[in-house]
C-alpha atoms as a PDB file:
ATOM      1  CA  UNK A   1     -14.778  60.958  33.863  1.00  0.00           C
ATOM      2  CA  UNK A   2     -14.768  63.021  30.695  1.00  0.00           C
ATOM      3  CA  UNK A   3     -18.037  62.561  28.741  1.00  0.00           C
ATOM      4  CA  UNK A   4     -16.581  64.268  25.618  1.00  0.00           C
ATOM      5  CA  UNK A   5     -14.256  61.346  24.848  1.00  0.00           C
ATOM      6  CA  UNK A   6     -15.568  59.048  22.139  1.00  0.00           C
ATOM      7  CA  UNK A   7     -14.608  55.477  22.818  1.00  0.00           C
ATOM      8  CA  UNK A   8     -13.932  52.907  20.153  1.00  0.00           C
ATOM      9  CA  UNK A   9     -14.375  49.184  20.000  1.00  0.00           C
ATOM     10  CA  UNK A  10     -11.339  48.774  17.769  1.00  0.00           C
ATOM     11  CA  UNK A  11      -8.846  46.759  19.831  1.00  0.00           C
ATOM     12  CA  UNK A  12      -5.623  48.171  18.268  1.00  0.00           C
ATOM     13  CA  UNK A  13      -3.778  51.398  18.613  1.00  0.00           C
ATOM     14  CA  UNK A  14      -2.583  53.114  15.480  1.00  0.00           C
ATOM     15  CA  UNK A  15       0.975  51.793  16.047  1.00  0.00           C
ATOM     16  CA  UNK A  16      -0.341  48.237  16.567  1.00  0.00           C
ATOM     17  CA  UNK A  17      -2.525  48.542  13.433  1.00  0.00           C
ATOM     18  CA  UNK A  18       0.605  49.643  11.352  1.00  0.00           C
ATOM     19  CA  UNK A  19       2.717  46.874  12.830  1.00  0.00           C
ATOM     20  CA  UNK A  20      -0.034  44.360  11.962  1.00  0.00           C
ATOM     21  CA  UNK A  21      -0.208  45.543   8.333  1.00  0.00           C
ATOM     22  CA  UNK A  22       3.505  45.305   7.931  1.00  0.00           C
ATOM     23  CA  UNK A  23       3.695  41.861   9.628  1.00  0.00           C
ATOM     24  CA  UNK A  24       0.847  40.520   7.462  1.00  0.00           C
ATOM     25  CA  UNK A  25       2.506  41.899   4.288  1.00  0.00           C
ATOM     26  CA  UNK A  26       5.700  40.129   5.307  1.00  0.00           C
ATOM     27  CA  UNK A  27       3.860  36.841   5.805  1.00  0.00           C
ATOM     28  CA  UNK A  28       1.864  36.984   2.564  1.00  0.00           C
ATOM     29  CA  UNK A  29       2.972  39.762   0.243  1.00  0.00           C
ATOM     30  CA  UNK A  30       0.973  40.833  -2.773  1.00  0.00           C
ATOM     31  CA  UNK A  31       1.858  39.275  -6.088  1.00  0.00           C
ATOM     32  CA  UNK A  32       4.065  41.435  -8.259  1.00  0.00           C
ATOM     33  CA  UNK A  33       1.454  41.563 -10.992  1.00  0.00           C
ATOM     34  CA  UNK A  34      -1.173  42.811  -8.505  1.00  0.00           C
ATOM     35  CA  UNK A  35      -3.398  39.802  -9.210  1.00  0.00           C
ATOM     36  CA  UNK A  36      -3.244  38.460  -5.604  1.00  0.00           C
ATOM     37  CA  UNK A  37      -3.699  40.720  -2.583  1.00  0.00           C
ATOM     38  CA  UNK A  38      -1.329  40.760   0.363  1.00  0.00           C
ATOM     39  CA  UNK A  39      -2.594  39.571   3.709  1.00  0.00           C
ATOM     40  CA  UNK A  40      -2.246  43.124   4.997  1.00  0.00           C
ATOM     41  CA  UNK A  41      -4.957  44.249   2.547  1.00  0.00           C
ATOM     42  CA  UNK A  42      -7.468  41.988   4.292  1.00  0.00           C
ATOM     43  CA  UNK A  43      -9.295  42.718   7.613  1.00  0.00           C
ATOM     44  CA  UNK A  44      -7.812  40.290  10.070  1.00  0.00           C
ATOM     45  CA  UNK A  45      -9.290  42.013  13.089  1.00  0.00           C
ATOM     46  CA  UNK A  46     -12.890  41.676  11.819  1.00  0.00           C
ATOM     47  CA  UNK A  47     -12.219  38.029  10.893  1.00  0.00           C
ATOM     48  CA  UNK A  48     -10.821  37.362  14.472  1.00  0.00           C
ATOM     49  CA  UNK A  49     -13.745  39.115  16.076  1.00  0.00           C
ATOM     50  CA  UNK A  50     -16.177  36.896  14.173  1.00  0.00           C
ATOM     51  CA  UNK A  51     -14.250  33.583  14.269  1.00  0.00           C
ATOM     52  CA  UNK A  52     -11.479  33.563  16.876  1.00  0.00           C
ATOM     53  CA  UNK A  53     -12.007  36.305  19.382  1.00  0.00           C
ATOM     54  CA  UNK A  54      -9.825  34.323  21.880  1.00  0.00           C
ATOM     55  CA  UNK A  55      -6.830  34.985  19.641  1.00  0.00           C
ATOM     56  CA  UNK A  56      -7.062  38.815  19.923  1.00  0.00           C
ATOM     57  CA  UNK A  57      -5.118  39.048  23.147  1.00  0.00           C
ATOM     58  CA  UNK A  58      -2.450  36.758  21.713  1.00  0.00           C
ATOM     59  CA  UNK A  59      -2.263  38.961  18.650  1.00  0.00           C
ATOM     60  CA  UNK A  60      -1.855  42.038  20.804  1.00  0.00           C
ATOM     61  CA  UNK A  61       1.014  40.329  22.596  1.00  0.00           C
ATOM     62  CA  UNK A  62       2.668  39.420  19.271  1.00  0.00           C
ATOM     63  CA  UNK A  63       2.378  43.066  18.065  1.00  0.00           C
ATOM     64  CA  UNK A  64       3.714  44.391  21.358  1.00  0.00           C
ATOM     65  CA  UNK A  65       6.727  42.112  21.016  1.00  0.00           C
ATOM     66  CA  UNK A  66       7.665  43.956  17.796  1.00  0.00           C
ATOM     67  CA  UNK A  67       9.830  46.986  18.716  1.00  0.00           C
ATOM     68  CA  UNK A  68       8.945  50.531  17.621  1.00  0.00           C
ATOM     69  CA  UNK A  69      11.605  50.401  14.946  1.00  0.00           C
ATOM     70  CA  UNK A  70       9.375  47.914  13.142  1.00  0.00           C
ATOM     71  CA  UNK A  71       7.243  50.881  12.076  1.00  0.00           C
ATOM     72  CA  UNK A  72      10.066  52.395  10.084  1.00  0.00           C
ATOM     73  CA  UNK A  73      11.745  49.194   8.951  1.00  0.00           C
ATOM     74  CA  UNK A  74      12.059  48.143   5.323  1.00  0.00           C
ATOM     75  CA  UNK A  75      10.041  45.206   3.926  1.00  0.00           C
ATOM     76  CA  UNK A  76      13.108  42.957   4.223  1.00  0.00           C
ATOM     77  CA  UNK A  77      13.440  43.985   7.861  1.00  0.00           C
ATOM     78  CA  UNK A  78       9.763  43.203   8.375  1.00  0.00           C
ATOM     79  CA  UNK A  79      10.436  39.761   7.032  1.00  0.00           C
ATOM     80  CA  UNK A  80      13.393  39.363   9.417  1.00  0.00           C
ATOM     81  CA  UNK A  81      11.130  40.495  12.305  1.00  0.00           C
ATOM     82  CA  UNK A  82       8.553  37.847  11.318  1.00  0.00           C
ATOM     83  CA  UNK A  83      11.315  35.185  11.296  1.00  0.00           C
ATOM     84  CA  UNK A  84      12.442  36.318  14.752  1.00  0.00           C
ATOM     85  CA  UNK A  85       8.896  36.056  16.063  1.00  0.00           C
ATOM     86  CA  UNK A  86       8.691  32.483  14.605  1.00  0.00           C
ATOM     87  CA  UNK A  87      11.856  31.472  16.451  1.00  0.00           C
ATOM     88  CA  UNK A  88      10.944  33.191  19.793  1.00  0.00           C
ATOM     89  CA  UNK A  89       7.602  31.480  20.238  1.00  0.00           C
ATOM     90  CA  UNK A  90       6.898  28.908  17.562  1.00  0.00           C
ATOM     91  CA  UNK A  91       3.526  27.796  18.962  1.00  0.00           C
ATOM     92  CA  UNK A  92       2.149  31.332  19.152  1.00  0.00           C
ATOM     93  CA  UNK A  93       3.520  32.129  15.691  1.00  0.00           C
ATOM     94  CA  UNK A  94       1.951  28.942  14.279  1.00  0.00           C
ATOM     95  CA  UNK A  95      -1.401  30.043  15.589  1.00  0.00           C
ATOM     96  CA  UNK A  96      -0.899  33.451  13.946  1.00  0.00           C
ATOM     97  CA  UNK A  97      -0.127  31.743  10.672  1.00  0.00           C
ATOM     98  CA  UNK A  98      -3.208  29.555  10.985  1.00  0.00           C
ATOM     99  CA  UNK A  99      -5.464  32.564  11.484  1.00  0.00           C
ATOM    100  CA  UNK A 100      -3.868  34.509   8.664  1.00  0.00           C
ATOM    101  CA  UNK A 101      -4.167  31.603   6.236  1.00  0.00           C
ATOM    102  CA  UNK A 102      -7.835  30.932   7.272  1.00  0.00           C
ATOM    103  CA  UNK A 103      -8.602  34.616   6.567  1.00  0.00           C
ATOM    104  CA  UNK A 104      -6.607  34.750   3.375  1.00  0.00           C
ATOM    105  CA  UNK A 105      -7.819  31.541   1.697  1.00  0.00           C
ATOM    106  CA  UNK A 106     -11.451  32.371   2.405  1.00  0.00           C
ATOM    107  CA  UNK A 107     -11.278  35.742   0.697  1.00  0.00           C
ATOM    108  CA  UNK A 108     -13.196  35.837  -2.637  1.00  0.00           C
ATOM    109  CA  UNK A 109     -10.369  37.723  -4.416  1.00  0.00           C
ATOM    110  CA  UNK A 110      -7.798  35.142  -3.342  1.00  0.00           C
ATOM    111  CA  UNK A 111     -10.047  32.247  -4.321  1.00  0.00           C
ATOM    112  CA  UNK A 112     -10.586  33.826  -7.725  1.00  0.00           C
ATOM    113  CA  UNK A 113      -6.883  34.392  -8.069  1.00  0.00           C
ATOM    114  CA  UNK A 114      -6.049  30.719  -7.482  1.00  0.00           C
ATOM    115  CA  UNK A 115      -8.807  29.624  -9.772  1.00  0.00           C
ATOM    116  CA  UNK A 116     -11.265  28.356  -7.149  1.00  0.00           C
ATOM    117  CA  UNK A 117     -14.818  29.555  -7.077  1.00  0.00           C
ATOM    118  CA  UNK A 118     -16.127  31.072  -3.833  1.00  0.00           C
ATOM    119  CA  UNK A 119     -18.840  29.036  -2.144  1.00  0.00           C
ATOM    120  CA  UNK A 120     -19.568  25.321  -1.968  1.00  0.00           C
ATOM    121  CA  UNK A 121     -17.968  23.174  -4.630  1.00  0.00           C
ATOM    122  CA  UNK A 122     -21.268  21.544  -5.564  1.00  0.00           C
ATOM    123  CA  UNK A 123     -23.922  24.159  -5.057  1.00  0.00           C
ATOM    124  CA  UNK A 124     -26.568  22.106  -6.878  1.00  0.00           C
ATOM    125  CA  UNK A 125     -25.373  18.889  -5.253  1.00  0.00           C
ATOM    126  CA  UNK A 126     -23.814  15.807  -6.803  1.00  0.00           C
ATOM    127  CA  UNK A 127     -25.761  13.774  -9.391  1.00  0.00           C
ATOM    128  CA  UNK A 128     -25.916  10.147  -8.496  1.00  0.00           C
ATOM    129  CA  UNK A 129     -27.721   7.806 -10.770  1.00  0.00           C
ATOM    130  CA  UNK A 130     -30.581   5.983  -9.072  1.00  0.00           C
ATOM    131  CA  UNK A 131     -29.655   2.430  -8.076  1.00  0.00           C
ATOM    132  CA  UNK A 132     -25.919   2.903  -8.840  1.00  0.00           C
ATOM    133  CA  UNK A 133     -24.229   1.581  -5.705  1.00  0.00           C
ATOM    134  CA  UNK A 134     -20.804   1.393  -7.305  1.00  0.00           C
ATOM    135  CA  UNK A 135     -19.830   4.534  -5.408  1.00  0.00           C
ATOM    136  CA  UNK A 136     -19.862   2.361  -2.255  1.00  0.00           C
ATOM    137  CA  UNK A 137     -17.293  -0.117  -3.637  1.00  0.00           C
ATOM    138  CA  UNK A 138     -14.273   1.661  -2.014  1.00  0.00           C
ATOM    139  CA  UNK A 139     -16.053   1.609   1.331  1.00  0.00           C
ATOM    140  CA  UNK A 140     -17.083  -2.044   1.037  1.00  0.00           C
ATOM    141  CA  UNK A 141     -13.476  -2.957   0.160  1.00  0.00           C
ATOM    142  CA  UNK A 142     -12.220  -1.758   3.571  1.00  0.00           C
ATOM    143  CA  UNK A 143     -11.593  -4.669   5.947  1.00  0.00           C
ATOM    144  CA  UNK A 144     -13.991  -4.823   8.938  1.00  0.00           C
ATOM    145  CA  UNK A 145     -12.505  -3.614  12.162  1.00  0.00           C
ATOM    146  CA  UNK A 146     -13.826  -3.103  15.601  1.00  0.00           C
ATOM    147  CA  UNK A 147     -12.573  -0.899  18.385  1.00  0.00           C
ATOM    148  CA  UNK A 148     -12.485  -1.987  21.952  1.00  0.00           C
ATOM    149  CA  UNK A 149     -14.760  -0.147  24.301  1.00  0.00           C
ATOM    150  CA  UNK A 150     -12.909   0.948  27.423  1.00  0.00           C
END
């Protein structure tokens, strides 16, 4: 064993990292006015390591399914490659889309770009007047139902 080699915890090779960036940019490109970032500008790997580490091996398989020409393809060819991935294994591609959207729509720059504030929608809570039970009217209007216990 060579003790001079410095190991890394980063799970992607340089080629896989570039493929991932091109694929993410094909899925969610940046807006033409530069107001909204592309998905490739966000750190999917860190997101997955924190929230969906079980998806990392699947992501590596997806990236390995992209041929080496994907590294030199045009953006239109990247889009066609993403379409091919979606047709080859729809379930796996759907999981990729889910993870990319989860990352993208939690990003503060994206939330600001779509006009939503980052954080909880009611940080100080909702104001409910004391004794005003009219908020329960829709619940009380629902017919009673019971479920059978198996």
